[in-house]
């Protein structure tokens, strides 16, 4: 069953997706010596922002949504 979530319409969600894309573009320009340190951390952080917005919008109560 697919949930009809409203996070797709949020400006912050759209901005977070754009930020994630820009982060991935920038990562290709960093040196290979940062492969397992900075690059991995930026990937996880940029993905986490998008996923937290999505998860927060799926919560039923306003208190739970504010946490995310």
PDB file of N, CA and C in Angstrom:
ATOM      1  N   UNK A   1       0.843  -1.183   0.000  1.00  0.00           N
ATOM      2  CA  UNK A   1       0.000   0.000   0.000  1.00  0.00           C
ATOM      3  C   UNK A   1       0.884   1.241   0.000  1.00  0.00           C
ATOM      4  N   UNK A   2       0.643   2.126  -0.918  1.00  0.00           N
ATOM      5  CA  UNK A   2       1.427   3.349  -1.039  1.00  0.00           C
ATOM      6  C   UNK A   2       0.772   4.459  -0.229  1.00  0.00           C
ATOM      7  N   UNK A   3       1.561   5.110   0.599  1.00  0.00           N
ATOM      8  CA  UNK A   3       1.054   6.224   1.396  1.00  0.00           C
ATOM      9  C   UNK A   3       1.076   7.497   0.559  1.00  0.00           C
ATOM     10  N   UNK A   4       0.046   8.272   0.661  1.00  0.00           N
ATOM     11  CA  UNK A   4      -0.009   9.560  -0.019  1.00  0.00           C
ATOM     12  C   UNK A   4       0.531  10.619   0.942  1.00  0.00           C
ATOM     13  N   UNK A   5       1.826  10.822   0.918  1.00  0.00           N
ATOM     14  CA  UNK A   5       2.467  11.756   1.840  1.00  0.00           C
ATOM     15  C   UNK A   5       2.607  13.126   1.188  1.00  0.00           C
ATOM     16  N   UNK A   6       2.560  14.138   2.007  1.00  0.00           N
ATOM     17  CA  UNK A   6       2.610  15.506   1.500  1.00  0.00           C
ATOM     18  C   UNK A   6       4.023  16.081   1.442  1.00  0.00           C
ATOM     19  N   UNK A   7       5.015  15.298   1.805  1.00  0.00           N
ATOM     20  CA  UNK A   7       6.366  15.852   1.843  1.00  0.00           C
ATOM     21  C   UNK A   7       6.903  16.187   0.453  1.00  0.00           C
ATOM     22  N   UNK A   8       6.351  15.593  -0.595  1.00  0.00           N
ATOM     23  CA  UNK A   8       6.807  15.892  -1.949  1.00  0.00           C
ATOM     24  C   UNK A   8       6.542  17.346  -2.325  1.00  0.00           C
ATOM     25  N   UNK A   9       5.557  17.954  -1.703  1.00  0.00           N
ATOM     26  CA  UNK A   9       5.176  19.329  -2.014  1.00  0.00           C
ATOM     27  C   UNK A   9       5.960  20.361  -1.193  1.00  0.00           C
ATOM     28  N   UNK A  10       6.634  19.921  -0.151  1.00  0.00           N
ATOM     29  CA  UNK A  10       7.343  20.848   0.727  1.00  0.00           C
ATOM     30  C   UNK A  10       8.580  21.425   0.051  1.00  0.00           C
ATOM     31  N   UNK A  11       8.772  22.736   0.232  1.00  0.00           N
ATOM     32  CA  UNK A  11       9.963  23.387  -0.323  1.00  0.00           C
ATOM     33  C   UNK A  11      11.237  22.838   0.320  1.00  0.00           C
ATOM     34  N   UNK A  12      11.166  22.553   1.597  1.00  0.00           N
ATOM     35  CA  UNK A  12      12.352  22.050   2.291  1.00  0.00           C
ATOM     36  C   UNK A  12      12.745  20.675   1.758  1.00  0.00           C
ATOM     37  N   UNK A  13      11.776  19.860   1.380  1.00  0.00           N
ATOM     38  CA  UNK A  13      12.065  18.546   0.813  1.00  0.00           C
ATOM     39  C   UNK A  13      12.736  18.697  -0.556  1.00  0.00           C
ATOM     40  N   UNK A  14      12.206  19.592  -1.366  1.00  0.00           N
ATOM     41  CA  UNK A  14      12.793  19.832  -2.684  1.00  0.00           C
ATOM     42  C   UNK A  14      14.212  20.379  -2.556  1.00  0.00           C
ATOM     43  N   UNK A  15      14.410  21.280  -1.601  1.00  0.00           N
ATOM     44  CA  UNK A  15      15.743  21.838  -1.382  1.00  0.00           C
ATOM     45  C   UNK A  15      16.722  20.785  -0.879  1.00  0.00           C
ATOM     46  N   UNK A  16      16.254  19.901  -0.017  1.00  0.00           N
ATOM     47  CA  UNK A  16      17.110  18.834   0.508  1.00  0.00           C
ATOM     48  C   UNK A  16      17.537  17.885  -0.605  1.00  0.00           C
ATOM     49  N   UNK A  17      16.631  17.587  -1.527  1.00  0.00           N
ATOM     50  CA  UNK A  17      16.985  16.721  -2.656  1.00  0.00           C
ATOM     51  C   UNK A  17      18.011  17.412  -3.560  1.00  0.00           C
ATOM     52  N   UNK A  18      17.842  18.708  -3.784  1.00  0.00           N
ATOM     53  CA  UNK A  18      18.803  19.453  -4.591  1.00  0.00           C
ATOM     54  C   UNK A  18      20.166  19.501  -3.902  1.00  0.00           C
ATOM     55  N   UNK A  19      20.154  19.700  -2.578  1.00  0.00           N
ATOM     56  CA  UNK A  19      21.400  19.713  -1.807  1.00  0.00           C
ATOM     57  C   UNK A  19      22.120  18.378  -1.932  1.00  0.00           C
ATOM     58  N   UNK A  20      21.370  17.300  -1.857  1.00  0.00           N
ATOM     59  CA  UNK A  20      21.960  15.964  -1.967  1.00  0.00           C
ATOM     60  C   UNK A  20      22.620  15.772  -3.334  1.00  0.00           C
ATOM     61  N   UNK A  21      21.956  16.215  -4.375  1.00  0.00           N
ATOM     62  CA  UNK A  21      22.516  16.101  -5.721  1.00  0.00           C
ATOM     63  C   UNK A  21      23.797  16.928  -5.848  1.00  0.00           C
ATOM     64  N   UNK A  22      23.778  18.140  -5.309  1.00  0.00           N
ATOM     65  CA  UNK A  22      24.963  18.997  -5.354  1.00  0.00           C
ATOM     66  C   UNK A  22      26.117  18.407  -4.547  1.00  0.00           C
ATOM     67  N   UNK A  23      25.788  17.790  -3.427  1.00  0.00           N
ATOM     68  CA  UNK A  23      26.826  17.141  -2.616  1.00  0.00           C
ATOM     69  C   UNK A  23      27.497  16.024  -3.397  1.00  0.00           C
ATOM     70  N   UNK A  24      26.710  15.215  -4.066  1.00  0.00           N
ATOM     71  CA  UNK A  24      27.272  14.111  -4.849  1.00  0.00           C
ATOM     72  C   UNK A  24      28.130  14.627  -5.993  1.00  0.00           C
ATOM     73  N   UNK A  25      27.741  15.738  -6.616  1.00  0.00           N
ATOM     74  CA  UNK A  25      28.554  16.323  -7.678  1.00  0.00           C
ATOM     75  C   UNK A  25      29.886  16.822  -7.131  1.00  0.00           C
ATOM     76  N   UNK A  26      29.840  17.445  -5.966  1.00  0.00           N
ATOM     77  CA  UNK A  26      31.044  17.983  -5.344  1.00  0.00           C
ATOM     78  C   UNK A  26      31.982  16.867  -4.887  1.00  0.00           C
ATOM     79  N   UNK A  27      31.419  15.761  -4.444  1.00  0.00           N
ATOM     80  CA  UNK A  27      32.236  14.655  -3.944  1.00  0.00           C
ATOM     81  C   UNK A  27      33.157  14.088  -5.014  1.00  0.00           C
ATOM     82  N   UNK A  28      32.740  14.144  -6.253  1.00  0.00           N
ATOM     83  CA  UNK A  28      33.584  13.611  -7.318  1.00  0.00           C
ATOM     84  C   UNK A  28      34.834  14.460  -7.532  1.00  0.00           C
ATOM     85  N   UNK A  29      34.828  15.672  -7.015  1.00  0.00           N
ATOM     86  CA  UNK A  29      35.969  16.572  -7.166  1.00  0.00           C
ATOM     87  C   UNK A  29      36.962  16.453  -6.007  1.00  0.00           C
ATOM     88  N   UNK A  30      36.577  15.783  -4.937  1.00  0.00           N
ATOM     89  CA  UNK A  30      37.469  15.634  -3.788  1.00  0.00           C
ATOM     90  C   UNK A  30      38.517  14.558  -4.066  1.00  0.00           C
ATOM     91  N   UNK A  31      39.671  14.664  -3.410  1.00  0.00           N
ATOM     92  CA  UNK A  31      40.734  13.667  -3.640  1.00  0.00           C
ATOM     93  C   UNK A  31      40.354  12.289  -3.100  1.00  0.00           C
ATOM     94  N   UNK A  32      40.952  11.275  -3.697  1.00  0.00           N
ATOM     95  CA  UNK A  32      40.683   9.896  -3.277  1.00  0.00           C
ATOM     96  C   UNK A  32      41.110   9.631  -1.842  1.00  0.00           C
ATOM     97  N   UNK A  33      42.015  10.433  -1.325  1.00  0.00           N
ATOM     98  CA  UNK A  33      42.471  10.229   0.061  1.00  0.00           C
ATOM     99  C   UNK A  33      41.344  10.468   1.064  1.00  0.00           C
ATOM    100  N   UNK A  34      40.311  11.167   0.647  1.00  0.00           N
ATOM    101  CA  UNK A  34      39.166  11.434   1.523  1.00  0.00           C
ATOM    102  C   UNK A  34      38.034  10.432   1.324  1.00  0.00           C
ATOM    103  N   UNK A  35      38.278   9.420   0.535  1.00  0.00           N
ATOM    104  CA  UNK A  35      37.238   8.455   0.149  1.00  0.00           C
ATOM    105  C   UNK A  35      36.492   7.875   1.350  1.00  0.00           C
ATOM    106  N   UNK A  36      37.192   7.479   2.394  1.00  0.00           N
ATOM    107  CA  UNK A  36      36.544   6.789   3.510  1.00  0.00           C
ATOM    108  C   UNK A  36      36.266   7.705   4.699  1.00  0.00           C
ATOM    109  N   UNK A  37      36.610   8.955   4.599  1.00  0.00           N
ATOM    110  CA  UNK A  37      36.370   9.865   5.716  1.00  0.00           C
ATOM    111  C   UNK A  37      35.297  10.890   5.370  1.00  0.00           C
ATOM    112  N   UNK A  38      35.720  11.927   4.731  1.00  0.00           N
ATOM    113  CA  UNK A  38      34.824  13.047   4.443  1.00  0.00           C
ATOM    114  C   UNK A  38      33.745  12.676   3.434  1.00  0.00           C
ATOM    115  N   UNK A  39      34.109  11.960   2.395  1.00  0.00           N
ATOM    116  CA  UNK A  39      33.146  11.617   1.343  1.00  0.00           C
ATOM    117  C   UNK A  39      32.007  10.770   1.899  1.00  0.00           C
ATOM    118  N   UNK A  40      32.354   9.759   2.658  1.00  0.00           N
ATOM    119  CA  UNK A  40      31.323   8.882   3.224  1.00  0.00           C
ATOM    120  C   UNK A  40      30.404   9.639   4.178  1.00  0.00           C
ATOM    121  N   UNK A  41      30.984  10.518   4.976  1.00  0.00           N
ATOM    122  CA  UNK A  41      30.189  11.277   5.939  1.00  0.00           C
ATOM    123  C   UNK A  41      29.227  12.233   5.233  1.00  0.00           C
ATOM    124  N   UNK A  42      29.678  12.892   4.182  1.00  0.00           N
ATOM    125  CA  UNK A  42      28.810  13.815   3.445  1.00  0.00           C
ATOM    126  C   UNK A  42      27.681  13.059   2.755  1.00  0.00           C
ATOM    127  N   UNK A  43      27.987  11.893   2.196  1.00  0.00           N
ATOM    128  CA  UNK A  43      26.941  11.087   1.562  1.00  0.00           C
ATOM    129  C   UNK A  43      25.858  10.697   2.554  1.00  0.00           C
ATOM    130  N   UNK A  44      26.288  10.198   3.710  1.00  0.00           N
ATOM    131  CA  UNK A  44      25.314   9.763   4.714  1.00  0.00           C
ATOM    132  C   UNK A  44      24.503  10.930   5.249  1.00  0.00           C
ATOM    133  N   UNK A  45      25.151  12.069   5.472  1.00  0.00           N
ATOM    134  CA  UNK A  45      24.453  13.234   6.021  1.00  0.00           C
ATOM    135  C   UNK A  45      23.428  13.794   5.030  1.00  0.00           C
ATOM    136  N   UNK A  46      23.814  13.914   3.765  1.00  0.00           N
ATOM    137  CA  UNK A  46      22.884  14.480   2.782  1.00  0.00           C
ATOM    138  C   UNK A  46      21.692  13.553   2.541  1.00  0.00           C
ATOM    139  N   UNK A  47      21.920  12.266   2.602  1.00  0.00           N
ATOM    140  CA  UNK A  47      20.823  11.307   2.460  1.00  0.00           C
ATOM    141  C   UNK A  47      19.935  11.327   3.695  1.00  0.00           C
ATOM    142  N   UNK A  48      20.544  11.481   4.851  1.00  0.00           N
ATOM    143  CA  UNK A  48      19.802  11.492   6.113  1.00  0.00           C
ATOM    144  C   UNK A  48      18.807  12.650   6.175  1.00  0.00           C
ATOM    145  N   UNK A  49      19.183  13.799   5.648  1.00  0.00           N
ATOM    146  CA  UNK A  49      18.283  14.959   5.672  1.00  0.00           C
ATOM    147  C   UNK A  49      16.998  14.644   4.905  1.00  0.00           C
ATOM    148  N   UNK A  50      17.149  14.094   3.718  1.00  0.00           N
ATOM    149  CA  UNK A  50      15.984  13.757   2.887  1.00  0.00           C
ATOM    150  C   UNK A  50      15.125  12.698   3.578  1.00  0.00           C
ATOM    151  N   UNK A  51      15.775  11.677   4.125  1.00  0.00           N
ATOM    152  CA  UNK A  51      15.029  10.598   4.767  1.00  0.00           C
ATOM    153  C   UNK A  51      14.326  11.050   6.047  1.00  0.00           C
ATOM    154  N   UNK A  52      14.939  11.952   6.803  1.00  0.00           N
ATOM    155  CA  UNK A  52      14.301  12.448   8.027  1.00  0.00           C
ATOM    156  C   UNK A  52      13.057  13.278   7.707  1.00  0.00           C
ATOM    157  N   UNK A  53      13.106  14.062   6.653  1.00  0.00           N
ATOM    158  CA  UNK A  53      11.922  14.831   6.243  1.00  0.00           C
ATOM    159  C   UNK A  53      10.806  13.871   5.843  1.00  0.00           C
ATOM    160  N   UNK A  54      11.158  12.855   5.067  1.00  0.00           N
ATOM    161  CA  UNK A  54      10.175  11.868   4.640  1.00  0.00           C
ATOM    162  C   UNK A  54       9.574  11.134   5.824  1.00  0.00           C
ATOM    163  N   UNK A  55      10.423  10.692   6.740  1.00  0.00           N
ATOM    164  CA  UNK A  55       9.929   9.955   7.902  1.00  0.00           C
ATOM    165  C   UNK A  55       9.075  10.840   8.798  1.00  0.00           C
ATOM    166  N   UNK A  56       9.481  12.077   8.982  1.00  0.00           N
ATOM    167  CA  UNK A  56       8.707  12.988   9.818  1.00  0.00           C
ATOM    168  C   UNK A  56       7.323  13.255   9.263  1.00  0.00           C
ATOM    169  N   UNK A  57       7.217  13.353   7.961  1.00  0.00           N
ATOM    170  CA  UNK A  57       5.913  13.594   7.331  1.00  0.00           C
ATOM    171  C   UNK A  57       4.996  12.383   7.419  1.00  0.00           C
ATOM    172  N   UNK A  58       5.555  11.218   7.622  1.00  0.00           N
ATOM    173  CA  UNK A  58       4.725  10.016   7.696  1.00  0.00           C
ATOM    174  C   UNK A  58       4.164   9.788   9.099  1.00  0.00           C
ATOM    175  N   UNK A  59       4.624  10.558  10.060  1.00  0.00           N
ATOM    176  CA  UNK A  59       4.125  10.411  11.434  1.00  0.00           C
ATOM    177  C   UNK A  59       2.715  10.957  11.552  1.00  0.00           C
ATOM    178  N   UNK A  60       1.925  10.312  12.387  1.00  0.00           N
ATOM    179  CA  UNK A  60       0.516  10.703  12.500  1.00  0.00           C
ATOM    180  C   UNK A  60       0.293  11.877  13.449  1.00  0.00           C
ATOM    181  N   UNK A  61       1.035  11.933  14.531  1.00  0.00           N
ATOM    182  CA  UNK A  61       0.802  13.013  15.492  1.00  0.00           C
ATOM    183  C   UNK A  61       1.761  14.176  15.235  1.00  0.00           C
ATOM    184  N   UNK A  62       1.312  15.355  15.593  1.00  0.00           N
ATOM    185  CA  UNK A  62       2.125  16.553  15.391  1.00  0.00           C
ATOM    186  C   UNK A  62       3.371  16.527  16.264  1.00  0.00           C
ATOM    187  N   UNK A  63       3.267  15.973  17.451  1.00  0.00           N
ATOM    188  CA  UNK A  63       4.418  15.871  18.352  1.00  0.00           C
ATOM    189  C   UNK A  63       5.520  15.024  17.708  1.00  0.00           C
ATOM    190  N   UNK A  64       5.142  13.907  17.125  1.00  0.00           N
ATOM    191  CA  UNK A  64       6.120  13.038  16.455  1.00  0.00           C
ATOM    192  C   UNK A  64       6.715  13.734  15.236  1.00  0.00           C
ATOM    193  N   UNK A  65       5.915  14.465  14.472  1.00  0.00           N
ATOM    194  CA  UNK A  65       6.419  15.160  13.293  1.00  0.00           C
ATOM    195  C   UNK A  65       7.444  16.219  13.670  1.00  0.00           C
ATOM    196  N   UNK A  66       7.231  16.897  14.777  1.00  0.00           N
ATOM    197  CA  UNK A  66       8.159  17.938  15.212  1.00  0.00           C
ATOM    198  C   UNK A  66       9.521  17.368  15.593  1.00  0.00           C
ATOM    199  N   UNK A  67       9.547  16.132  16.048  1.00  0.00           N
ATOM    200  CA  UNK A  67      10.809  15.494  16.408  1.00  0.00           C
ATOM    201  C   UNK A  67      11.701  15.367  15.180  1.00  0.00           C
ATOM    202  N   UNK A  68      11.092  15.042  14.057  1.00  0.00           N
ATOM    203  CA  UNK A  68      11.858  14.862  12.836  1.00  0.00           C
ATOM    204  C   UNK A  68      12.007  16.158  12.088  1.00  0.00           C
TER     205      UNK A  68
END
